[in-house]
Amino acid sequence: MASEPVATAAARTPLLHDFSLALRTAGLTSMLDSAKSITVFAPDNAAFLALGKGNVATLTATRSDLTKVLEFQVVSGRRTPRQLASGKHLTTLRGTVIIPAKSHKIYEVNSAEITCGNIQTANATVYIVSNILVPLP
């Protein structure tokens, strides 16, 4: 993954198949691959499965809605585990805030567990998360 840009690397990762498909459907592949320095909180396949087929179909039916949701998963700059552990709020590409945290050995963002993280691609740091991130009220 380290030599490829983030969306291309995600497309080659079986655990991120549904995320990659969503990126293509939303037309965000080129934008993410050309970004200079970002952090992506990529929901795994189980996160999409947890939504249910009907909700996934509804989400992917409208490109603008899907784009908004996927942009909640991305922040500018490469974030380290240490930065996530600090709990400092991060602003997504949509301009909303997400909140990382560390409790004991578990990292989270908006209460979604980071199941695998600090994965380096050519232009991004990737953290695989257990849920699709949504903006906090």
N, C-alpha and C. Protein backbone atom coordinates (compact mmCIF):
# COMPACT_ATOMS: atom_id res chain seq x y z
N MET A 1 0.81 -1.21 0.00
CA MET A 1 0.00 0.00 0.00
C MET A 1 0.85 1.26 0.00
N ALA A 2 2.05 1.17 0.51
CA ALA A 2 2.86 2.37 0.72
C ALA A 2 3.22 3.10 -0.58
N SER A 3 3.27 2.40 -1.70
CA SER A 3 3.68 3.05 -2.94
C SER A 3 2.50 3.55 -3.78
N GLU A 4 1.29 3.24 -3.37
CA GLU A 4 0.11 3.63 -4.14
C GLU A 4 -0.67 4.73 -3.43
N PRO A 5 -1.38 5.58 -4.18
CA PRO A 5 -2.24 6.56 -3.53
C PRO A 5 -3.41 5.85 -2.85
N VAL A 6 -4.05 6.53 -1.95
CA VAL A 6 -4.99 5.92 -1.01
C VAL A 6 -6.17 5.19 -1.65
N ALA A 7 -6.87 5.78 -2.60
CA ALA A 7 -8.04 5.11 -3.18
C ALA A 7 -7.62 3.89 -3.99
N THR A 8 -6.50 3.97 -4.67
CA THR A 8 -5.98 2.82 -5.42
C THR A 8 -5.59 1.71 -4.46
N ALA A 9 -4.94 2.07 -3.37
CA ALA A 9 -4.54 1.08 -2.37
C ALA A 9 -5.76 0.43 -1.73
N ALA A 10 -6.78 1.22 -1.43
CA ALA A 10 -8.01 0.67 -0.83
C ALA A 10 -8.68 -0.31 -1.78
N ALA A 11 -8.64 -0.02 -3.07
CA ALA A 11 -9.25 -0.90 -4.06
C ALA A 11 -8.58 -2.27 -4.10
N ARG A 12 -7.35 -2.34 -3.67
CA ARG A 12 -6.60 -3.60 -3.67
C ARG A 12 -6.65 -4.32 -2.32
N THR A 13 -7.42 -3.78 -1.39
CA THR A 13 -7.50 -4.33 -0.05
C THR A 13 -8.88 -4.97 0.15
N PRO A 14 -8.95 -6.30 0.25
CA PRO A 14 -10.25 -6.97 0.37
C PRO A 14 -11.11 -6.45 1.53
N LEU A 15 -10.51 -6.10 2.64
CA LEU A 15 -11.24 -5.61 3.81
C LEU A 15 -11.95 -4.28 3.53
N LEU A 16 -11.50 -3.56 2.50
CA LEU A 16 -12.06 -2.25 2.16
C LEU A 16 -12.82 -2.27 0.83
N HIS A 17 -13.25 -3.43 0.39
CA HIS A 17 -13.96 -3.56 -0.88
C HIS A 17 -15.17 -2.62 -0.96
N ASP A 18 -16.02 -2.64 0.05
CA ASP A 18 -17.24 -1.83 0.03
C ASP A 18 -16.92 -0.33 0.09
N PHE A 19 -15.92 0.04 0.86
CA PHE A 19 -15.48 1.43 0.93
C PHE A 19 -14.98 1.89 -0.44
N SER A 20 -14.17 1.06 -1.06
CA SER A 20 -13.64 1.38 -2.38
C SER A 20 -14.76 1.52 -3.41
N LEU A 21 -15.73 0.63 -3.36
CA LEU A 21 -16.88 0.70 -4.27
C LEU A 21 -17.65 2.00 -4.03
N ALA A 22 -17.82 2.38 -2.79
CA ALA A 22 -18.51 3.63 -2.46
C ALA A 22 -17.74 4.84 -3.00
N LEU A 23 -16.42 4.82 -2.87
CA LEU A 23 -15.60 5.92 -3.41
C LEU A 23 -15.79 6.05 -4.91
N ARG A 24 -15.77 4.92 -5.62
CA ARG A 24 -15.97 4.95 -7.08
C ARG A 24 -17.37 5.46 -7.42
N THR A 25 -18.38 5.00 -6.69
CA THR A 25 -19.76 5.41 -6.94
C THR A 25 -19.92 6.92 -6.73
N ALA A 26 -19.25 7.45 -5.73
CA ALA A 26 -19.33 8.88 -5.42
C ALA A 26 -18.44 9.73 -6.33
N GLY A 27 -17.56 9.07 -7.09
CA GLY A 27 -16.65 9.82 -7.95
C GLY A 27 -15.51 10.48 -7.19
N LEU A 28 -15.11 9.90 -6.06
CA LEU A 28 -14.06 10.50 -5.22
C LEU A 28 -12.69 9.87 -5.39
N THR A 29 -12.58 8.84 -6.21
CA THR A 29 -11.31 8.13 -6.35
C THR A 29 -10.19 9.06 -6.79
N SER A 30 -10.39 9.80 -7.86
CA SER A 30 -9.34 10.70 -8.37
C SER A 30 -8.99 11.79 -7.37
N MET A 31 -10.01 12.35 -6.72
CA MET A 31 -9.76 13.41 -5.75
C MET A 31 -8.90 12.90 -4.60
N LEU A 32 -9.23 11.73 -4.07
CA LEU A 32 -8.44 11.19 -2.95
C LEU A 32 -7.05 10.77 -3.41
N ASP A 33 -6.95 10.19 -4.59
CA ASP A 33 -5.63 9.76 -5.09
C ASP A 33 -4.71 10.94 -5.37
N SER A 34 -5.27 12.09 -5.68
CA SER A 34 -4.44 13.26 -5.99
C SER A 34 -4.21 14.17 -4.78
N ALA A 35 -4.87 13.90 -3.67
CA ALA A 35 -4.67 14.71 -2.46
C ALA A 35 -3.22 14.60 -2.01
N LYS A 36 -2.71 15.65 -1.43
CA LYS A 36 -1.29 15.68 -1.05
C LYS A 36 -1.00 15.00 0.28
N SER A 37 -1.79 15.23 1.28
CA SER A 37 -1.52 14.69 2.61
C SER A 37 -2.84 14.65 3.39
N ILE A 38 -3.38 13.44 3.55
CA ILE A 38 -4.67 13.29 4.23
C ILE A 38 -4.63 12.09 5.16
N THR A 39 -5.63 12.03 6.02
CA THR A 39 -5.87 10.86 6.85
C THR A 39 -7.27 10.38 6.53
N VAL A 40 -7.39 9.08 6.28
CA VAL A 40 -8.67 8.48 5.92
C VAL A 40 -9.06 7.48 7.00
N PHE A 41 -10.26 7.64 7.53
CA PHE A 41 -10.84 6.68 8.46
C PHE A 41 -11.78 5.82 7.62
N ALA A 42 -11.25 4.71 7.11
CA ALA A 42 -11.94 3.88 6.14
C ALA A 42 -12.79 2.81 6.82
N PRO A 43 -14.11 2.87 6.64
CA PRO A 43 -14.96 1.83 7.22
C PRO A 43 -14.72 0.49 6.53
N ASP A 44 -14.62 -0.56 7.32
CA ASP A 44 -14.41 -1.88 6.74
C ASP A 44 -15.73 -2.43 6.19
N ASN A 45 -15.66 -3.58 5.53
CA ASN A 45 -16.85 -4.18 4.92
C ASN A 45 -17.94 -4.42 5.96
N ALA A 46 -17.56 -4.80 7.17
CA ALA A 46 -18.54 -5.07 8.22
C ALA A 46 -19.33 -3.81 8.58
N ALA A 47 -18.71 -2.65 8.47
CA ALA A 47 -19.40 -1.39 8.76
C ALA A 47 -20.53 -1.16 7.76
N PHE A 48 -20.27 -1.47 6.50
CA PHE A 48 -21.31 -1.34 5.48
C PHE A 48 -22.39 -2.40 5.67
N LEU A 49 -21.97 -3.61 6.02
CA LEU A 49 -22.92 -4.70 6.26
C LEU A 49 -23.86 -4.35 7.42
N ALA A 50 -23.32 -3.70 8.44
CA ALA A 50 -24.11 -3.33 9.62
C ALA A 50 -25.22 -2.33 9.27
N LEU A 51 -25.03 -1.56 8.21
CA LEU A 51 -26.07 -0.62 7.79
C LEU A 51 -27.31 -1.34 7.27
N GLY A 52 -27.11 -2.51 6.72
CA GLY A 52 -28.22 -3.24 6.09
C GLY A 52 -28.30 -2.89 4.61
N LYS A 53 -28.74 -3.84 3.82
CA LYS A 53 -28.80 -3.65 2.36
C LYS A 53 -29.67 -2.47 1.96
N GLY A 54 -30.81 -2.32 2.62
CA GLY A 54 -31.71 -1.21 2.28
C GLY A 54 -31.08 0.14 2.53
N ASN A 55 -30.41 0.30 3.66
CA ASN A 55 -29.77 1.57 3.98
C ASN A 55 -28.58 1.85 3.06
N VAL A 56 -27.84 0.81 2.71
CA VAL A 56 -26.72 0.99 1.77
C VAL A 56 -27.27 1.41 0.41
N ALA A 57 -28.34 0.77 -0.03
CA ALA A 57 -28.95 1.12 -1.31
C ALA A 57 -29.42 2.57 -1.29
N THR A 58 -30.04 2.99 -0.20
CA THR A 58 -30.50 4.37 -0.08
C THR A 58 -29.32 5.34 -0.10
N LEU A 59 -28.27 5.00 0.63
CA LEU A 59 -27.08 5.85 0.70
C LEU A 59 -26.42 6.00 -0.66
N THR A 60 -26.30 4.91 -1.39
CA THR A 60 -25.59 4.95 -2.68
C THR A 60 -26.47 5.43 -3.83
N ALA A 61 -27.76 5.58 -3.59
CA ALA A 61 -28.68 6.00 -4.65
C ALA A 61 -28.47 7.46 -5.04
N THR A 62 -28.04 8.27 -4.12
CA THR A 62 -27.84 9.70 -4.38
C THR A 62 -26.37 10.04 -4.21
N ARG A 63 -25.74 10.33 -5.32
CA ARG A 63 -24.29 10.58 -5.31
C ARG A 63 -23.90 11.70 -4.34
N SER A 64 -24.69 12.77 -4.28
CA SER A 64 -24.33 13.89 -3.40
C SER A 64 -24.40 13.46 -1.93
N ASP A 65 -25.38 12.66 -1.55
CA ASP A 65 -25.46 12.18 -0.16
C ASP A 65 -24.30 11.26 0.16
N LEU A 66 -23.98 10.37 -0.76
CA LEU A 66 -22.86 9.46 -0.56
C LEU A 66 -21.56 10.23 -0.43
N THR A 67 -21.38 11.24 -1.26
CA THR A 67 -20.17 12.06 -1.21
C THR A 67 -20.03 12.73 0.15
N LYS A 68 -21.13 13.28 0.66
CA LYS A 68 -21.10 13.92 1.98
C LYS A 68 -20.65 12.94 3.05
N VAL A 69 -21.23 11.76 3.05
CA VAL A 69 -20.88 10.76 4.06
C VAL A 69 -19.42 10.36 3.95
N LEU A 70 -18.94 10.14 2.74
CA LEU A 70 -17.55 9.72 2.56
C LEU A 70 -16.57 10.83 2.94
N GLU A 71 -16.95 12.07 2.73
CA GLU A 71 -16.07 13.17 3.11
C GLU A 71 -15.98 13.34 4.63
N PHE A 72 -16.91 12.75 5.39
CA PHE A 72 -16.81 12.73 6.85
C PHE A 72 -15.68 11.81 7.30
N GLN A 73 -15.20 10.94 6.41
CA GLN A 73 -14.19 9.96 6.76
C GLN A 73 -12.76 10.46 6.54
N VAL A 74 -12.61 11.71 6.06
CA VAL A 74 -11.29 12.20 5.64
C VAL A 74 -10.98 13.54 6.31
N VAL A 75 -9.73 13.65 6.79
CA VAL A 75 -9.24 14.91 7.34
C VAL A 75 -7.93 15.27 6.65
N SER A 76 -7.61 16.55 6.63
CA SER A 76 -6.36 17.02 6.05
C SER A 76 -5.19 16.65 6.94
N GLY A 77 -4.06 16.39 6.34
CA GLY A 77 -2.84 16.07 7.07
C GLY A 77 -2.78 14.62 7.49
N ARG A 78 -1.57 14.13 7.61
CA ARG A 78 -1.36 12.76 8.08
C ARG A 78 -1.34 12.77 9.61
N ARG A 79 -2.27 12.06 10.21
CA ARG A 79 -2.39 12.04 11.67
C ARG A 79 -1.75 10.79 12.24
N THR A 80 -0.98 10.96 13.28
CA THR A 80 -0.30 9.85 13.93
C THR A 80 -1.17 9.28 15.04
N PRO A 81 -0.89 8.06 15.48
CA PRO A 81 -1.62 7.52 16.63
C PRO A 81 -1.51 8.44 17.85
N ARG A 82 -0.36 9.02 18.04
CA ARG A 82 -0.17 9.93 19.18
C ARG A 82 -1.12 11.13 19.09
N GLN A 83 -1.29 11.67 17.89
CA GLN A 83 -2.20 12.79 17.71
C GLN A 83 -3.65 12.36 17.97
N LEU A 84 -4.00 11.15 17.55
CA LEU A 84 -5.35 10.66 17.80
C LEU A 84 -5.58 10.47 19.30
N ALA A 85 -4.58 9.95 19.98
CA ALA A 85 -4.70 9.72 21.41
C ALA A 85 -4.88 11.01 22.20
N SER A 86 -4.44 12.13 21.64
CA SER A 86 -4.56 13.41 22.34
C SER A 86 -6.01 13.86 22.49
N GLY A 87 -6.90 13.33 21.65
CA GLY A 87 -8.31 13.71 21.72
C GLY A 87 -8.62 15.04 21.06
N LYS A 88 -7.64 15.64 20.42
CA LYS A 88 -7.86 16.92 19.75
C LYS A 88 -8.84 16.71 18.59
N HIS A 89 -9.86 17.56 18.54
CA HIS A 89 -10.88 17.47 17.50
C HIS A 89 -10.25 17.67 16.13
N LEU A 90 -10.76 16.93 15.15
CA LEU A 90 -10.27 17.01 13.78
C LEU A 90 -11.41 17.49 12.89
N THR A 91 -11.08 18.31 11.91
CA THR A 91 -12.09 18.82 10.98
C THR A 91 -12.02 18.01 9.69
N THR A 92 -13.17 17.48 9.29
CA THR A 92 -13.24 16.65 8.08
C THR A 92 -13.29 17.52 6.83
N LEU A 93 -13.22 16.87 5.68
CA LEU A 93 -13.34 17.59 4.42
C LEU A 93 -14.70 18.28 4.28
N ARG A 94 -15.70 17.80 5.01
CA ARG A 94 -17.04 18.42 4.99
C ARG A 94 -17.12 19.60 5.96
N GLY A 95 -16.07 19.83 6.72
CA GLY A 95 -16.08 20.94 7.68
C GLY A 95 -16.70 20.59 9.01
N THR A 96 -17.00 19.33 9.23
CA THR A 96 -17.54 18.89 10.50
C THR A 96 -16.42 18.36 11.38
N VAL A 97 -16.72 18.20 12.64
CA VAL A 97 -15.72 17.76 13.61
C VAL A 97 -15.89 16.28 13.91
N ILE A 98 -14.76 15.59 13.98
CA ILE A 98 -14.75 14.23 14.52
C ILE A 98 -13.78 14.22 15.69
N ILE A 99 -14.04 13.31 16.63
CA ILE A 99 -13.28 13.32 17.87
C ILE A 99 -12.57 11.97 18.05
N PRO A 100 -11.24 11.99 17.96
CA PRO A 100 -10.49 10.76 18.23
C PRO A 100 -10.27 10.60 19.74
N ALA A 101 -10.02 9.39 20.14
CA ALA A 101 -9.77 9.11 21.56
C ALA A 101 -8.99 7.82 21.70
N LYS A 102 -8.35 7.68 22.85
CA LYS A 102 -7.68 6.43 23.19
C LYS A 102 -8.05 6.09 24.62
N SER A 103 -8.51 4.86 24.80
CA SER A 103 -8.84 4.36 26.12
C SER A 103 -8.13 3.02 26.29
N HIS A 104 -7.21 2.97 27.22
CA HIS A 104 -6.35 1.80 27.39
C HIS A 104 -5.60 1.59 26.07
N LYS A 105 -5.78 0.47 25.40
CA LYS A 105 -5.08 0.23 24.14
C LYS A 105 -5.98 0.40 22.93
N ILE A 106 -7.19 0.88 23.15
CA ILE A 106 -8.17 0.98 22.06
C ILE A 106 -8.27 2.43 21.58
N TYR A 107 -8.09 2.60 20.27
CA TYR A 107 -8.26 3.90 19.64
C TYR A 107 -9.65 3.95 19.03
N GLU A 108 -10.27 5.12 19.09
CA GLU A 108 -11.60 5.32 18.50
C GLU A 108 -11.66 6.69 17.84
N VAL A 109 -12.63 6.82 16.97
CA VAL A 109 -12.97 8.12 16.41
C VAL A 109 -14.50 8.16 16.33
N ASN A 110 -15.10 9.16 16.98
CA ASN A 110 -16.57 9.25 17.10
C ASN A 110 -17.16 7.92 17.57
N SER A 111 -16.54 7.29 18.51
CA SER A 111 -16.96 6.01 19.09
C SER A 111 -16.86 4.82 18.14
N ALA A 112 -16.31 5.00 16.97
CA ALA A 112 -16.04 3.87 16.07
C ALA A 112 -14.64 3.37 16.39
N GLU A 113 -14.52 2.09 16.66
CA GLU A 113 -13.22 1.53 17.00
C GLU A 113 -12.31 1.49 15.78
N ILE A 114 -11.08 1.89 16.00
CA ILE A 114 -10.06 1.76 14.95
C ILE A 114 -9.50 0.34 15.09
N THR A 115 -9.79 -0.47 14.09
CA THR A 115 -9.40 -1.89 14.15
C THR A 115 -8.02 -2.15 13.58
N CYS A 116 -7.54 -1.25 12.77
CA CYS A 116 -6.20 -1.36 12.19
C CYS A 116 -5.80 0.06 11.81
N GLY A 117 -4.56 0.43 12.07
CA GLY A 117 -4.25 1.82 11.80
C GLY A 117 -2.82 2.14 11.52
N ASN A 118 -2.63 3.42 11.22
CA ASN A 118 -1.34 3.98 10.88
C ASN A 118 -0.76 3.30 9.66
N ILE A 119 -1.64 2.98 8.70
CA ILE A 119 -1.24 2.35 7.44
C ILE A 119 -0.86 3.47 6.48
N GLN A 120 0.33 3.39 5.96
CA GLN A 120 0.83 4.45 5.09
C GLN A 120 0.60 4.11 3.62
N THR A 121 0.06 5.08 2.87
CA THR A 121 -0.01 4.98 1.42
C THR A 121 0.85 6.11 0.88
N ALA A 122 0.92 6.24 -0.42
CA ALA A 122 1.77 7.27 -1.01
C ALA A 122 1.35 8.68 -0.59
N ASN A 123 0.05 8.87 -0.31
CA ASN A 123 -0.40 10.22 0.01
C ASN A 123 -1.29 10.32 1.25
N ALA A 124 -1.42 9.22 1.99
CA ALA A 124 -2.35 9.26 3.12
C ALA A 124 -1.93 8.30 4.23
N THR A 125 -2.48 8.57 5.40
CA THR A 125 -2.43 7.63 6.51
C THR A 125 -3.84 7.09 6.64
N VAL A 126 -3.97 5.76 6.74
CA VAL A 126 -5.28 5.12 6.78
C VAL A 126 -5.48 4.44 8.12
N TYR A 127 -6.68 4.63 8.67
CA TYR A 127 -7.13 3.92 9.86
C TYR A 127 -8.41 3.21 9.47
N ILE A 128 -8.46 1.91 9.64
CA ILE A 128 -9.66 1.14 9.33
C ILE A 128 -10.55 1.17 10.57
N VAL A 129 -11.82 1.56 10.35
CA VAL A 129 -12.75 1.74 11.46
C VAL A 129 -13.93 0.79 11.34
N SER A 130 -14.56 0.53 12.49
CA SER A 130 -15.63 -0.46 12.59
C SER A 130 -17.00 0.07 12.21
N ASN A 131 -17.14 1.39 12.06
CA ASN A 131 -18.41 2.00 11.71
C ASN A 131 -18.18 3.12 10.71
N ILE A 132 -19.22 3.44 9.97
CA ILE A 132 -19.17 4.59 9.09
C ILE A 132 -19.35 5.83 9.98
N LEU A 133 -18.44 6.77 9.85
CA LEU A 133 -18.51 7.97 10.68
C LEU A 133 -19.63 8.88 10.22
N VAL A 134 -20.32 9.43 11.19
CA VAL A 134 -21.36 10.42 10.91
C VAL A 134 -21.07 11.65 11.77
N PRO A 135 -21.52 12.81 11.33
CA PRO A 135 -21.22 14.01 12.12
C PRO A 135 -21.93 13.98 13.46
N LEU A 136 -21.28 14.51 14.44
CA LEU A 136 -21.88 14.61 15.78
C LEU A 136 -22.82 15.81 15.80
N PRO A 137 -23.88 15.70 16.60
CA PRO A 137 -24.83 16.84 16.68
C PRO A 137 -24.21 18.05 17.33
